[in-house]
Amino acid sequence: QVQFVESGGGLVHPGGSLRLTCQVSGLTFSNYTMSWYRQIPGKRREVVATIIGNSGYKGYHDSVRGRFAISRDNSKNMIYLQMNSLKPEDTAVYYCNGFVPIHASWGQGTQVTVSS
């Protein structure tokens, strides 16, 4: 059973920061390219950031480039998303999964709300 458990979301003001954490279990973590996804209300789920197994490549959606940073710790089977300069349009439920997602294992996500 592959599991993804997201945490770290919350309510912040525009311009604030949050750090999301994803705990992964049930797979050989270091062999997986991992992504953060988000689902903005009323819109389709989208890839936010992606990181390969050895962290040698990181990719970002254009809307978050320069503001968000993805990282991973293979010794702990964890990935992180540092989110800075948050905007109201970043409000969404954030999920982690493989870049090629394991659809049976989508977690509950963590809610990020950016509001004044």
PDB file of N, CA and C in Angstrom:
ATOM      1  N   GLN A   1       0.839  -1.176   0.000  1.00  0.00           N
ATOM      2  CA  GLN A   1       0.000   0.000   0.000  1.00  0.00           C
ATOM      3  C   GLN A   1       0.888   1.244   0.000  1.00  0.00           C
ATOM      4  N   VAL A   2       0.840   1.981  -1.092  1.00  0.00           N
ATOM      5  CA  VAL A   2       1.571   3.240  -1.187  1.00  0.00           C
ATOM      6  C   VAL A   2       0.727   4.331  -0.540  1.00  0.00           C
ATOM      7  N   GLN A   3       1.362   5.116   0.316  1.00  0.00           N
ATOM      8  CA  GLN A   3       0.654   6.186   1.003  1.00  0.00           C
ATOM      9  C   GLN A   3       1.423   7.495   0.912  1.00  0.00           C
ATOM     10  N   PHE A   4       0.681   8.575   0.765  1.00  0.00           N
ATOM     11  CA  PHE A   4       1.220   9.929   0.775  1.00  0.00           C
ATOM     12  C   PHE A   4       0.441  10.714   1.819  1.00  0.00           C
ATOM     13  N   VAL A   5       1.161  11.294   2.771  1.00  0.00           N
ATOM     14  CA  VAL A   5       0.538  12.049   3.840  1.00  0.00           C
ATOM     15  C   VAL A   5       1.095  13.458   3.829  1.00  0.00           C
ATOM     16  N   GLU A   6       0.247  14.417   3.468  1.00  0.00           N
ATOM     17  CA  GLU A   6       0.642  15.814   3.360  1.00  0.00           C
ATOM     18  C   GLU A   6       0.337  16.559   4.653  1.00  0.00           C
ATOM     19  N   SER A   7       1.185  17.525   4.970  1.00  0.00           N
ATOM     20  CA  SER A   7       0.957  18.351   6.144  1.00  0.00           C
ATOM     21  C   SER A   7       1.617  19.704   5.950  1.00  0.00           C
ATOM     22  N   GLY A   8       1.290  20.640   6.812  1.00  0.00           N
ATOM     23  CA  GLY A   8       1.941  21.939   6.817  1.00  0.00           C
ATOM     24  C   GLY A   8       1.128  23.085   6.271  1.00  0.00           C
ATOM     25  N   GLY A   9      -0.054  22.810   5.742  1.00  0.00           N
ATOM     26  CA  GLY A   9      -0.888  23.878   5.223  1.00  0.00           C
ATOM     27  C   GLY A   9      -1.471  24.729   6.334  1.00  0.00           C
ATOM     28  N   GLY A  10      -2.143  25.788   5.923  1.00  0.00           N
ATOM     29  CA  GLY A  10      -2.749  26.681   6.887  1.00  0.00           C
ATOM     30  C   GLY A  10      -3.237  27.944   6.235  1.00  0.00           C
ATOM     31  N   LEU A  11      -3.618  28.887   7.066  1.00  0.00           N
ATOM     32  CA  LEU A  11      -4.105  30.192   6.636  1.00  0.00           C
ATOM     33  C   LEU A  11      -2.994  31.221   6.803  1.00  0.00           C
ATOM     34  N   VAL A  12      -2.666  31.913   5.720  1.00  0.00           N
ATOM     35  CA  VAL A  12      -1.640  32.951   5.756  1.00  0.00           C
ATOM     36  C   VAL A  12      -2.118  34.175   4.996  1.00  0.00           C
ATOM     37  N   HIS A  13      -1.513  35.310   5.313  1.00  0.00           N
ATOM     38  CA  HIS A  13      -1.788  36.543   4.580  1.00  0.00           C
ATOM     39  C   HIS A  13      -0.981  36.592   3.292  1.00  0.00           C
ATOM     40  N   PRO A  14      -1.456  37.357   2.292  1.00  0.00           N
ATOM     41  CA  PRO A  14      -0.646  37.541   1.089  1.00  0.00           C
ATOM     42  C   PRO A  14       0.770  37.996   1.441  1.00  0.00           C
ATOM     43  N   GLY A  15       1.744  37.404   0.757  1.00  0.00           N
ATOM     44  CA  GLY A  15       3.144  37.690   1.034  1.00  0.00           C
ATOM     45  C   GLY A  15       3.769  36.778   2.065  1.00  0.00           C
ATOM     46  N   GLY A  16       2.975  35.962   2.723  1.00  0.00           N
ATOM     47  CA  GLY A  16       3.476  35.062   3.736  1.00  0.00           C
ATOM     48  C   GLY A  16       4.098  33.809   3.162  1.00  0.00           C
ATOM     49  N   SER A  17       4.542  32.927   4.067  1.00  0.00           N
ATOM     50  CA  SER A  17       5.241  31.703   3.687  1.00  0.00           C
ATOM     51  C   SER A  17       4.681  30.506   4.432  1.00  0.00           C
ATOM     52  N   LEU A  18       4.786  29.354   3.788  1.00  0.00           N
ATOM     53  CA  LEU A  18       4.475  28.068   4.396  1.00  0.00           C
ATOM     54  C   LEU A  18       5.456  27.039   3.875  1.00  0.00           C
ATOM     55  N   ARG A  19       5.677  25.988   4.658  1.00  0.00           N
ATOM     56  CA  ARG A  19       6.492  24.853   4.213  1.00  0.00           C
ATOM     57  C   ARG A  19       5.658  23.584   4.343  1.00  0.00           C
ATOM     58  N   LEU A  20       5.394  22.941   3.224  1.00  0.00           N
ATOM     59  CA  LEU A  20       4.617  21.715   3.196  1.00  0.00           C
ATOM     60  C   LEU A  20       5.539  20.504   3.267  1.00  0.00           C
ATOM     61  N   THR A  21       5.050  19.449   3.884  1.00  0.00           N
ATOM     62  CA  THR A  21       5.785  18.205   4.029  1.00  0.00           C
ATOM     63  C   THR A  21       4.933  17.057   3.517  1.00  0.00           C
ATOM     64  N   CYS A  22       5.562  16.113   2.838  1.00  0.00           N
ATOM     65  CA  CYS A  22       4.898  14.901   2.382  1.00  0.00           C
ATOM     66  C   CYS A  22       5.694  13.697   2.857  1.00  0.00           C
ATOM     67  N   GLN A  23       5.055  12.857   3.643  1.00  0.00           N
ATOM     68  CA  GLN A  23       5.649  11.606   4.083  1.00  0.00           C
ATOM     69  C   GLN A  23       5.175  10.494   3.155  1.00  0.00           C
ATOM     70  N   VAL A  24       6.120   9.758   2.580  1.00  0.00           N
ATOM     71  CA  VAL A  24       5.830   8.719   1.602  1.00  0.00           C
ATOM     72  C   VAL A  24       6.159   7.365   2.205  1.00  0.00           C
ATOM     73  N   SER A  25       5.319   6.373   1.949  1.00  0.00           N
ATOM     74  CA  SER A  25       5.599   5.013   2.378  1.00  0.00           C
ATOM     75  C   SER A  25       5.101   4.034   1.328  1.00  0.00           C
ATOM     76  N   GLY A  26       5.679   2.842   1.327  1.00  0.00           N
ATOM     77  CA  GLY A  26       5.205   1.777   0.467  1.00  0.00           C
ATOM     78  C   GLY A  26       5.862   1.681  -0.892  1.00  0.00           C
ATOM     79  N   LEU A  27       6.907   2.465  -1.151  1.00  0.00           N
ATOM     80  CA  LEU A  27       7.628   2.364  -2.409  1.00  0.00           C
ATOM     81  C   LEU A  27       9.107   2.640  -2.196  1.00  0.00           C
ATOM     82  N   THR A  28       9.888   2.308  -3.209  1.00  0.00           N
ATOM     83  CA  THR A  28      11.321   2.588  -3.161  1.00  0.00           C
ATOM     84  C   THR A  28      11.500   4.050  -3.548  1.00  0.00           C
ATOM     85  N   PHE A  29      11.508   4.895  -2.555  1.00  0.00           N
ATOM     86  CA  PHE A  29      11.330   6.333  -2.735  1.00  0.00           C
ATOM     87  C   PHE A  29      12.383   6.958  -3.637  1.00  0.00           C
ATOM     88  N   SER A  30      13.639   6.592  -3.438  1.00  0.00           N
ATOM     89  CA  SER A  30      14.717   7.247  -4.170  1.00  0.00           C
ATOM     90  C   SER A  30      14.656   6.996  -5.667  1.00  0.00           C
ATOM     91  N   ASN A  31      13.895   6.013  -6.106  1.00  0.00           N
ATOM     92  CA  ASN A  31      13.754   5.701  -7.525  1.00  0.00           C
ATOM     93  C   ASN A  31      12.613   6.459  -8.203  1.00  0.00           C
ATOM     94  N   TYR A  32      11.884   7.277  -7.451  1.00  0.00           N
ATOM     95  CA  TYR A  32      10.700   7.938  -7.980  1.00  0.00           C
ATOM     96  C   TYR A  32      10.907   9.424  -8.171  1.00  0.00           C
ATOM     97  N   THR A  33      10.538   9.884  -9.349  1.00  0.00           N
ATOM     98  CA  THR A  33      10.378  11.311  -9.558  1.00  0.00           C
ATOM     99  C   THR A  33       9.065  11.725  -8.895  1.00  0.00           C
ATOM    100  N   MET A  34       9.144  12.731  -8.032  1.00  0.00           N
ATOM    101  CA  MET A  34       8.001  13.135  -7.224  1.00  0.00           C
ATOM    102  C   MET A  34       7.536  14.536  -7.588  1.00  0.00           C
ATOM    103  N   SER A  35       6.252  14.768  -7.366  1.00  0.00           N
ATOM    104  CA  SER A  35       5.668  16.068  -7.665  1.00  0.00           C
ATOM    105  C   SER A  35       4.751  16.521  -6.551  1.00  0.00           C
ATOM    106  N   TRP A  36       4.637  17.832  -6.445  1.00  0.00           N
ATOM    107  CA  TRP A  36       3.547  18.469  -5.724  1.00  0.00           C
ATOM    108  C   TRP A  36       2.491  18.899  -6.733  1.00  0.00           C
ATOM    109  N   TYR A  37       1.238  18.669  -6.388  1.00  0.00           N
ATOM    110  CA  TYR A  37       0.092  19.068  -7.179  1.00  0.00           C
ATOM    111  C   TYR A  37      -0.794  19.978  -6.347  1.00  0.00           C
ATOM    112  N   ARG A  38      -1.627  20.737  -7.015  1.00  0.00           N
ATOM    113  CA  ARG A  38      -2.647  21.480  -6.293  1.00  0.00           C
ATOM    114  C   ARG A  38      -3.942  21.517  -7.091  1.00  0.00           C
ATOM    115  N   GLN A  39      -5.033  21.653  -6.367  1.00  0.00           N
ATOM    116  CA  GLN A  39      -6.333  21.802  -6.991  1.00  0.00           C
ATOM    117  C   GLN A  39      -6.960  23.088  -6.464  1.00  0.00           C
ATOM    118  N   ILE A  40      -7.018  24.067  -7.345  1.00  0.00           N
ATOM    119  CA  ILE A  40      -7.639  25.350  -7.035  1.00  0.00           C
ATOM    120  C   ILE A  40      -9.143  25.195  -7.206  1.00  0.00           C
ATOM    121  N   PRO A  41      -9.935  25.798  -6.306  1.00  0.00           N
ATOM    122  CA  PRO A  41     -11.389  25.638  -6.412  1.00  0.00           C
ATOM    123  C   PRO A  41     -11.903  25.943  -7.815  1.00  0.00           C
ATOM    124  N   GLY A  42     -12.679  25.020  -8.357  1.00  0.00           N
ATOM    125  CA  GLY A  42     -13.267  25.198  -9.669  1.00  0.00           C
ATOM    126  C   GLY A  42     -12.370  24.861 -10.837  1.00  0.00           C
ATOM    127  N   LYS A  43     -11.128  24.425 -10.575  1.00  0.00           N
ATOM    128  CA  LYS A  43     -10.190  24.134 -11.647  1.00  0.00           C
ATOM    129  C   LYS A  43      -9.636  22.720 -11.529  1.00  0.00           C
ATOM    130  N   ARG A  44      -9.040  22.256 -12.616  1.00  0.00           N
ATOM    131  CA  ARG A  44      -8.446  20.930 -12.656  1.00  0.00           C
ATOM    132  C   ARG A  44      -7.150  20.894 -11.847  1.00  0.00           C
ATOM    133  N   ARG A  45      -6.865  19.758 -11.247  1.00  0.00           N
ATOM    134  CA  ARG A  45      -5.613  19.575 -10.523  1.00  0.00           C
ATOM    135  C   ARG A  45      -4.432  19.785 -11.462  1.00  0.00           C
ATOM    136  N   GLU A  46      -3.394  20.473 -10.978  1.00  0.00           N
ATOM    137  CA  GLU A  46      -2.240  20.792 -11.792  1.00  0.00           C
ATOM    138  C   GLU A  46      -0.948  20.475 -11.058  1.00  0.00           C
ATOM    139  N   VAL A  47       0.092  20.193 -11.818  1.00  0.00           N
ATOM    140  CA  VAL A  47       1.421  19.974 -11.251  1.00  0.00           C
ATOM    141  C   VAL A  47       2.023  21.325 -10.882  1.00  0.00           C
ATOM    142  N   VAL A  48       2.517  21.424  -9.664  1.00  0.00           N
ATOM    143  CA  VAL A  48       3.139  22.649  -9.169  1.00  0.00           C
ATOM    144  C   VAL A  48       4.657  22.584  -9.288  1.00  0.00           C
ATOM    145  N   ALA A  49       5.248  21.466  -8.871  1.00  0.00           N
ATOM    146  CA  ALA A  49       6.695  21.321  -8.852  1.00  0.00           C
ATOM    147  C   ALA A  49       7.053  19.853  -8.923  1.00  0.00           C
ATOM    148  N   THR A  50       8.217  19.550  -9.499  1.00  0.00           N
ATOM    149  CA  THR A  50       8.675  18.187  -9.696  1.00  0.00           C
ATOM    150  C   THR A  50      10.155  18.089  -9.360  1.00  0.00           C
ATOM    151  N   ILE A  51      10.553  16.967  -8.766  1.00  0.00           N
ATOM    152  CA  ILE A  51      11.951  16.749  -8.401  1.00  0.00           C
ATOM    153  C   ILE A  51      12.320  15.308  -8.703  1.00  0.00           C
ATOM    154  N   ILE A  52      13.470  15.099  -9.354  1.00  0.00           N
ATOM    155  CA  ILE A  52      13.910  13.746  -9.666  1.00  0.00           C
ATOM    156  C   ILE A  52      14.579  13.117  -8.450  1.00  0.00           C
ATOM    157  N   GLY A  53      14.891  11.831  -8.550  1.00  0.00           N
ATOM    158  CA  GLY A  53      15.335  11.070  -7.398  1.00  0.00           C
ATOM    159  C   GLY A  53      16.555  11.594  -6.682  1.00  0.00           C
ATOM    160  N   ASN A  54      17.559  12.056  -7.443  1.00  0.00           N
ATOM    161  CA  ASN A  54      18.783  12.553  -6.827  1.00  0.00           C
ATOM    162  C   ASN A  54      18.789  14.068  -6.656  1.00  0.00           C
ATOM    163  N   SER A  55      17.653  14.707  -6.853  1.00  0.00           N
ATOM    164  CA  SER A  55      17.473  16.154  -6.738  1.00  0.00           C
ATOM    165  C   SER A  55      18.219  16.944  -7.804  1.00  0.00           C
ATOM    166  N   GLY A  56      18.736  16.269  -8.824  1.00  0.00           N
ATOM    167  CA  GLY A  56      19.526  16.938  -9.837  1.00  0.00           C
ATOM    168  C   GLY A  56      18.731  17.803 -10.802  1.00  0.00           C
ATOM    169  N   TYR A  57      17.446  17.609 -10.854  1.00  0.00           N
ATOM    170  CA  TYR A  57      16.569  18.441 -11.666  1.00  0.00           C
ATOM    171  C   TYR A  57      15.317  18.771 -10.884  1.00  0.00           C
ATOM    172  N   LYS A  58      14.909  20.034 -10.964  1.00  0.00           N
ATOM    173  CA  LYS A  58      13.671  20.509 -10.369  1.00  0.00           C
ATOM    174  C   LYS A  58      12.927  21.340 -11.401  1.00  0.00           C
ATOM    175  N   GLY A  59      11.635  21.115 -11.482  1.00  0.00           N
ATOM    176  CA  GLY A  59      10.823  21.866 -12.415  1.00  0.00           C
ATOM    177  C   GLY A  59       9.639  22.496 -11.723  1.00  0.00           C
ATOM    178  N   TYR A  60       9.188  23.646 -12.256  1.00  0.00           N
ATOM    179  CA  TYR A  60       8.128  24.404 -11.616  1.00  0.00           C
ATOM    180  C   TYR A  60       7.102  24.889 -12.632  1.00  0.00           C
ATOM    181  N   HIS A  61       5.856  24.921 -12.201  1.00  0.00           N
ATOM    182  CA  HIS A  61       4.832  25.589 -12.970  1.00  0.00           C
ATOM    183  C   HIS A  61       5.195  27.070 -13.075  1.00  0.00           C
ATOM    184  N   ASP A  62       4.902  27.665 -14.221  1.00  0.00           N
ATOM    185  CA  ASP A  62       5.276  29.059 -14.437  1.00  0.00           C
ATOM    186  C   ASP A  62       4.726  29.996 -13.363  1.00  0.00           C
ATOM    187  N   SER A  63       3.565  29.682 -12.832  1.00  0.00           N
ATOM    188  CA  SER A  63       2.924  30.572 -11.884  1.00  0.00           C
ATOM    189  C   SER A  63       3.619  30.618 -10.525  1.00  0.00           C
ATOM    190  N   VAL A  64       4.486  29.631 -10.228  1.00  0.00           N
ATOM    191  CA  VAL A  64       5.150  29.590  -8.926  1.00  0.00           C
ATOM    192  C   VAL A  64       6.662  29.706  -9.019  1.00  0.00           C
ATOM    193  N   ARG A  65       7.197  29.724 -10.213  1.00  0.00           N
ATOM    194  CA  ARG A  65       8.646  29.796 -10.398  1.00  0.00           C
ATOM    195  C   ARG A  65       9.216  31.042  -9.717  1.00  0.00           C
ATOM    196  N   GLY A  66      10.272  30.842  -8.933  1.00  0.00           N
ATOM    197  CA  GLY A  66      10.880  31.938  -8.202  1.00  0.00           C
ATOM    198  C   GLY A  66      10.291  32.175  -6.838  1.00  0.00           C
ATOM    199  N   ARG A  67       9.133  31.590  -6.561  1.00  0.00           N
ATOM    200  CA  ARG A  67       8.491  31.745  -5.261  1.00  0.00           C
ATOM    201  C   ARG A  67       8.486  30.448  -4.455  1.00  0.00           C
ATOM    202  N   PHE A  68       8.360  29.313  -5.138  1.00  0.00           N
ATOM    203  CA  PHE A  68       8.295  28.013  -4.475  1.00  0.00           C
ATOM    204  C   PHE A  68       9.589  27.246  -4.722  1.00  0.00           C
ATOM    205  N   ALA A  69       9.950  26.369  -3.782  1.00  0.00           N
ATOM    206  CA  ALA A  69      11.124  25.524  -3.926  1.00  0.00           C
ATOM    207  C   ALA A  69      10.811  24.118  -3.431  1.00  0.00           C
ATOM    208  N   ILE A  70      11.028  23.131  -4.291  1.00  0.00           N
ATOM    209  CA  ILE A  70      10.815  21.740  -3.934  1.00  0.00           C
ATOM    210  C   ILE A  70      12.141  21.116  -3.506  1.00  0.00           C
ATOM    211  N   SER A  71      12.094  20.225  -2.529  1.00  0.00           N
ATOM    212  CA  SER A  71      13.275  19.504  -2.081  1.00  0.00           C
ATOM    213  C   SER A  71      12.853  18.123  -1.583  1.00  0.00           C
ATOM    214  N   ARG A  72      13.840  17.264  -1.331  1.00  0.00           N
ATOM    215  CA  ARG A  72      13.520  15.930  -0.828  1.00  0.00           C
ATOM    216  C   ARG A  72      14.624  15.427   0.072  1.00  0.00           C
ATOM    217  N   ASP A  73      14.281  14.501   0.949  1.00  0.00           N
ATOM    218  CA  ASP A  73      15.225  13.828   1.821  1.00  0.00           C
ATOM    219  C   ASP A  73      14.973  12.335   1.660  1.00  0.00           C
ATOM    220  N   ASN A  74      15.802  11.685   0.861  1.00  0.00           N
ATOM    221  CA  ASN A  74      15.584  10.276   0.571  1.00  0.00           C
ATOM    222  C   ASN A  74      15.807   9.381   1.788  1.00  0.00           C
ATOM    223  N   SER A  75      16.609   9.829   2.739  1.00  0.00           N
ATOM    224  CA  SER A  75      16.821   9.043   3.949  1.00  0.00           C
ATOM    225  C   SER A  75      15.582   8.983   4.823  1.00  0.00           C
ATOM    226  N   LYS A  76      14.668   9.930   4.629  1.00  0.00           N
ATOM    227  CA  LYS A  76      13.448   9.996   5.419  1.00  0.00           C
ATOM    228  C   LYS A  76      12.187   9.733   4.606  1.00  0.00           C
ATOM    229  N   ASN A  77      12.324   9.478   3.312  1.00  0.00           N
ATOM    230  CA  ASN A  77      11.172   9.300   2.421  1.00  0.00           C
ATOM    231  C   ASN A  77      10.225  10.490   2.509  1.00  0.00           C
ATOM    232  N   MET A  78      10.786  11.683   2.386  1.00  0.00           N
ATOM    233  CA  MET A  78       9.989  12.898   2.487  1.00  0.00           C
ATOM    234  C   MET A  78      10.317  13.867   1.364  1.00  0.00           C
ATOM    235  N   ILE A  79       9.300  14.614   0.953  1.00  0.00           N
ATOM    236  CA  ILE A  79       9.506  15.754   0.073  1.00  0.00           C
ATOM    237  C   ILE A  79       8.884  16.979   0.725  1.00  0.00           C
ATOM    238  N   TYR A  80       9.387  18.143   0.307  1.00  0.00           N
ATOM    239  CA  TYR A  80       8.987  19.403   0.908  1.00  0.00           C
ATOM    240  C   TYR A  80       8.665  20.411  -0.183  1.00  0.00           C
ATOM    241  N   LEU A  81       7.855  21.378   0.174  1.00  0.00           N
ATOM    242  CA  LEU A  81       7.589  22.501  -0.708  1.00  0.00           C
ATOM    243  C   LEU A  81       7.628  23.778   0.118  1.00  0.00           C
ATOM    244  N   GLN A  82       8.687  24.558  -0.072  1.00  0.00           N
ATOM    245  CA  GLN A  82       8.786  25.863   0.561  1.00  0.00           C
ATOM    246  C   GLN A  82       8.058  26.868  -0.317  1.00  0.00           C
ATOM    247  N   MET A  83       7.073  27.538   0.236  1.00  0.00           N
ATOM    248  CA  MET A  83       6.247  28.481  -0.506  1.00  0.00           C
ATOM    249  C   MET A  83       6.431  29.863   0.095  1.00  0.00           C
ATOM    250  N   ASN A  84       6.954  30.773  -0.696  1.00  0.00           N
ATOM    251  CA  ASN A  84       7.176  32.149  -0.271  1.00  0.00           C
ATOM    252  C   ASN A  84       6.350  33.098  -1.130  1.00  0.00           C
ATOM    253  N   SER A  85       6.195  34.305  -0.650  1.00  0.00           N
ATOM    254  CA  SER A  85       5.473  35.352  -1.385  1.00  0.00           C
ATOM    255  C   SER A  85       4.116  34.851  -1.863  1.00  0.00           C
ATOM    256  N   LEU A  86       3.394  34.226  -0.969  1.00  0.00           N
ATOM    257  CA  LEU A  86       2.125  33.599  -1.335  1.00  0.00           C
ATOM    258  C   LEU A  86       1.093  34.629  -1.777  1.00  0.00           C
ATOM    259  N   LYS A  87       0.294  34.217  -2.748  1.00  0.00           N
ATOM    260  CA  LYS A  87      -0.746  35.047  -3.334  1.00  0.00           C
ATOM    261  C   LYS A  87      -2.106  34.402  -3.124  1.00  0.00           C
ATOM    262  N   PRO A  88      -3.177  35.182  -3.128  1.00  0.00           N
ATOM    263  CA  PRO A  88      -4.506  34.582  -2.984  1.00  0.00           C
ATOM    264  C   PRO A  88      -4.781  33.493  -4.010  1.00  0.00           C
ATOM    265  N   GLU A  89      -4.263  33.627  -5.219  1.00  0.00           N
ATOM    266  CA  GLU A  89      -4.482  32.619  -6.242  1.00  0.00           C
ATOM    267  C   GLU A  89      -3.749  31.308  -5.990  1.00  0.00           C
ATOM    268  N   ASP A  90      -2.881  31.265  -4.966  1.00  0.00           N
ATOM    269  CA  ASP A  90      -2.258  30.013  -4.550  1.00  0.00           C
ATOM    270  C   ASP A  90      -3.172  29.181  -3.663  1.00  0.00           C
ATOM    271  N   THR A  91      -4.297  29.734  -3.261  1.00  0.00           N
ATOM    272  CA  THR A  91      -5.234  29.004  -2.415  1.00  0.00           C
ATOM    273  C   THR A  91      -5.689  27.732  -3.117  1.00  0.00           C
ATOM    274  N   ALA A  92      -5.497  26.592  -2.453  1.00  0.00           N
ATOM    275  CA  ALA A  92      -5.791  25.304  -3.054  1.00  0.00           C
ATOM    276  C   ALA A  92      -5.554  24.215  -2.022  1.00  0.00           C
ATOM    277  N   VAL A  93      -5.982  23.010  -2.370  1.00  0.00           N
ATOM    278  CA  VAL A  93      -5.554  21.825  -1.650  1.00  0.00           C
ATOM    279  C   VAL A  93      -4.318  21.293  -2.355  1.00  0.00           C
ATOM    280  N   TYR A  94      -3.251  21.084  -1.603  1.00  0.00           N
ATOM    281  CA  TYR A  94      -1.975  20.635  -2.147  1.00  0.00           C
ATOM    282  C   TYR A  94      -1.762  19.158  -1.847  1.00  0.00           C
ATOM    283  N   TYR A  95      -1.328  18.419  -2.867  1.00  0.00           N
ATOM    284  CA  TYR A  95      -1.115  16.978  -2.784  1.00  0.00           C
ATOM    285  C   TYR A  95       0.289  16.633  -3.249  1.00  0.00           C
ATOM    286  N   CYS A  96       0.816  15.512  -2.766  1.00  0.00           N
ATOM    287  CA  CYS A  96       2.029  14.949  -3.333  1.00  0.00           C
ATOM    288  C   CYS A  96       1.723  13.595  -3.945  1.00  0.00           C
ATOM    289  N   ASN A  97       2.516  13.226  -4.944  1.00  0.00           N
ATOM    290  CA  ASN A  97       2.375  11.944  -5.616  1.00  0.00           C
ATOM    291  C   ASN A  97       3.554  11.815  -6.570  1.00  0.00           C
ATOM    292  N   GLY A  98       3.675  10.667  -7.201  1.00  0.00           N
ATOM    293  CA  GLY A  98       4.662  10.531  -8.251  1.00  0.00           C
ATOM    294  C   GLY A  98       4.364  11.472  -9.400  1.00  0.00           C
ATOM    295  N   PHE A  99       5.409  11.839 -10.139  1.00  0.00           N
ATOM    296  CA  PHE A  99       5.196  12.613 -11.357  1.00  0.00           C
ATOM    297  C   PHE A  99       4.275  11.842 -12.298  1.00  0.00           C
ATOM    298  N   VAL A 100       4.447  10.523 -12.351  1.00  0.00           N
ATOM    299  CA  VAL A 100       3.449   9.636 -12.919  1.00  0.00           C
ATOM    300  C   VAL A 100       2.621   9.182 -11.718  1.00  0.00           C
ATOM    301  N   PRO A 101       1.454   9.760 -11.500  1.00  0.00           N
ATOM    302  CA  PRO A 101       0.766   9.543 -10.226  1.00  0.00           C
ATOM    303  C   PRO A 101       0.247   8.126 -10.045  1.00  0.00           C
ATOM    304  N   ILE A 102       0.266   7.693  -8.804  1.00  0.00           N
ATOM    305  CA  ILE A 102      -0.365   6.444  -8.406  1.00  0.00           C
ATOM    306  C   ILE A 102      -1.778   6.818  -7.985  1.00  0.00           C
ATOM    307  N   HIS A 103      -2.726   6.628  -8.881  1.00  0.00           N
ATOM    308  CA  HIS A 103      -4.055   7.193  -8.683  1.00  0.00           C
ATOM    309  C   HIS A 103      -4.798   6.596  -7.498  1.00  0.00           C
ATOM    310  N   ALA A 104      -4.506   5.348  -7.169  1.00  0.00           N
ATOM    311  CA  ALA A 104      -5.166   4.725  -6.028  1.00  0.00           C
ATOM    312  C   ALA A 104      -4.678   5.271  -4.699  1.00  0.00           C
ATOM    313  N   SER A 105      -3.615   6.072  -4.704  1.00  0.00           N
ATOM    314  CA  SER A 105      -2.970   6.485  -3.463  1.00  0.00           C
ATOM    315  C   SER A 105      -3.031   7.975  -3.182  1.00  0.00           C
ATOM    316  N   TRP A 106      -3.826   8.726  -3.940  1.00  0.00           N
ATOM    317  CA  TRP A 106      -3.991  10.147  -3.617  1.00  0.00           C
ATOM    318  C   TRP A 106      -4.404  10.305  -2.167  1.00  0.00           C
ATOM    319  N   GLY A 107      -3.694  11.171  -1.449  1.00  0.00           N
ATOM    320  CA  GLY A 107      -4.002  11.419  -0.057  1.00  0.00           C
ATOM    321  C   GLY A 107      -5.086  12.458   0.112  1.00  0.00           C
ATOM    322  N   GLN A 108      -5.266  12.885   1.339  1.00  0.00           N
ATOM    323  CA  GLN A 108      -6.281  13.896   1.620  1.00  0.00           C
ATOM    324  C   GLN A 108      -5.816  15.304   1.267  1.00  0.00           C
ATOM    325  N   GLY A 109      -4.522  15.484   1.072  1.00  0.00           N
ATOM    326  CA  GLY A 109      -3.986  16.794   0.776  1.00  0.00           C
ATOM    327  C   GLY A 109      -3.927  17.676   2.010  1.00  0.00           C
ATOM    328  N   THR A 110      -3.372  18.864   1.822  1.00  0.00           N
ATOM    329  CA  THR A 110      -3.322  19.844   2.894  1.00  0.00           C
ATOM    330  C   THR A 110      -3.788  21.187   2.343  1.00  0.00           C
ATOM    331  N   GLN A 111      -4.688  21.823   3.053  1.00  0.00           N
ATOM    332  CA  GLN A 111      -5.311  23.062   2.596  1.00  0.00           C
ATOM    333  C   GLN A 111      -4.390  24.248   2.832  1.00  0.00           C
ATOM    334  N   VAL A 112      -4.181  25.024   1.783  1.00  0.00           N
ATOM    335  CA  VAL A 112      -3.463  26.293   1.874  1.00  0.00           C
ATOM    336  C   VAL A 112      -4.445  27.394   1.506  1.00  0.00           C
ATOM    337  N   THR A 113      -4.622  28.339   2.406  1.00  0.00           N
ATOM    338  CA  THR A 113      -5.514  29.464   2.164  1.00  0.00           C
ATOM    339  C   THR A 113      -4.733  30.749   2.339  1.00  0.00           C
ATOM    340  N   VAL A 114      -4.728  31.581   1.307  1.00  0.00           N
ATOM    341  CA  VAL A 114      -4.029  32.858   1.333  1.00  0.00           C
ATOM    342  C   VAL A 114      -5.082  33.951   1.223  1.00  0.00           C
ATOM    343  N   SER A 115      -5.244  34.690   2.284  1.00  0.00           N
ATOM    344  CA  SER A 115      -6.323  35.665   2.343  1.00  0.00           C
ATOM    345  C   SER A 115      -5.957  36.793   3.284  1.00  0.00           C
ATOM    346  N   SER A 116      -6.430  37.986   2.949  1.00  0.00           N
ATOM    347  CA  SER A 116      -6.264  39.130   3.823  1.00  0.00           C
ATOM    348  C   SER A 116      -7.403  39.245   4.825  1.00  0.00           C
TER     349      SER A 116
END
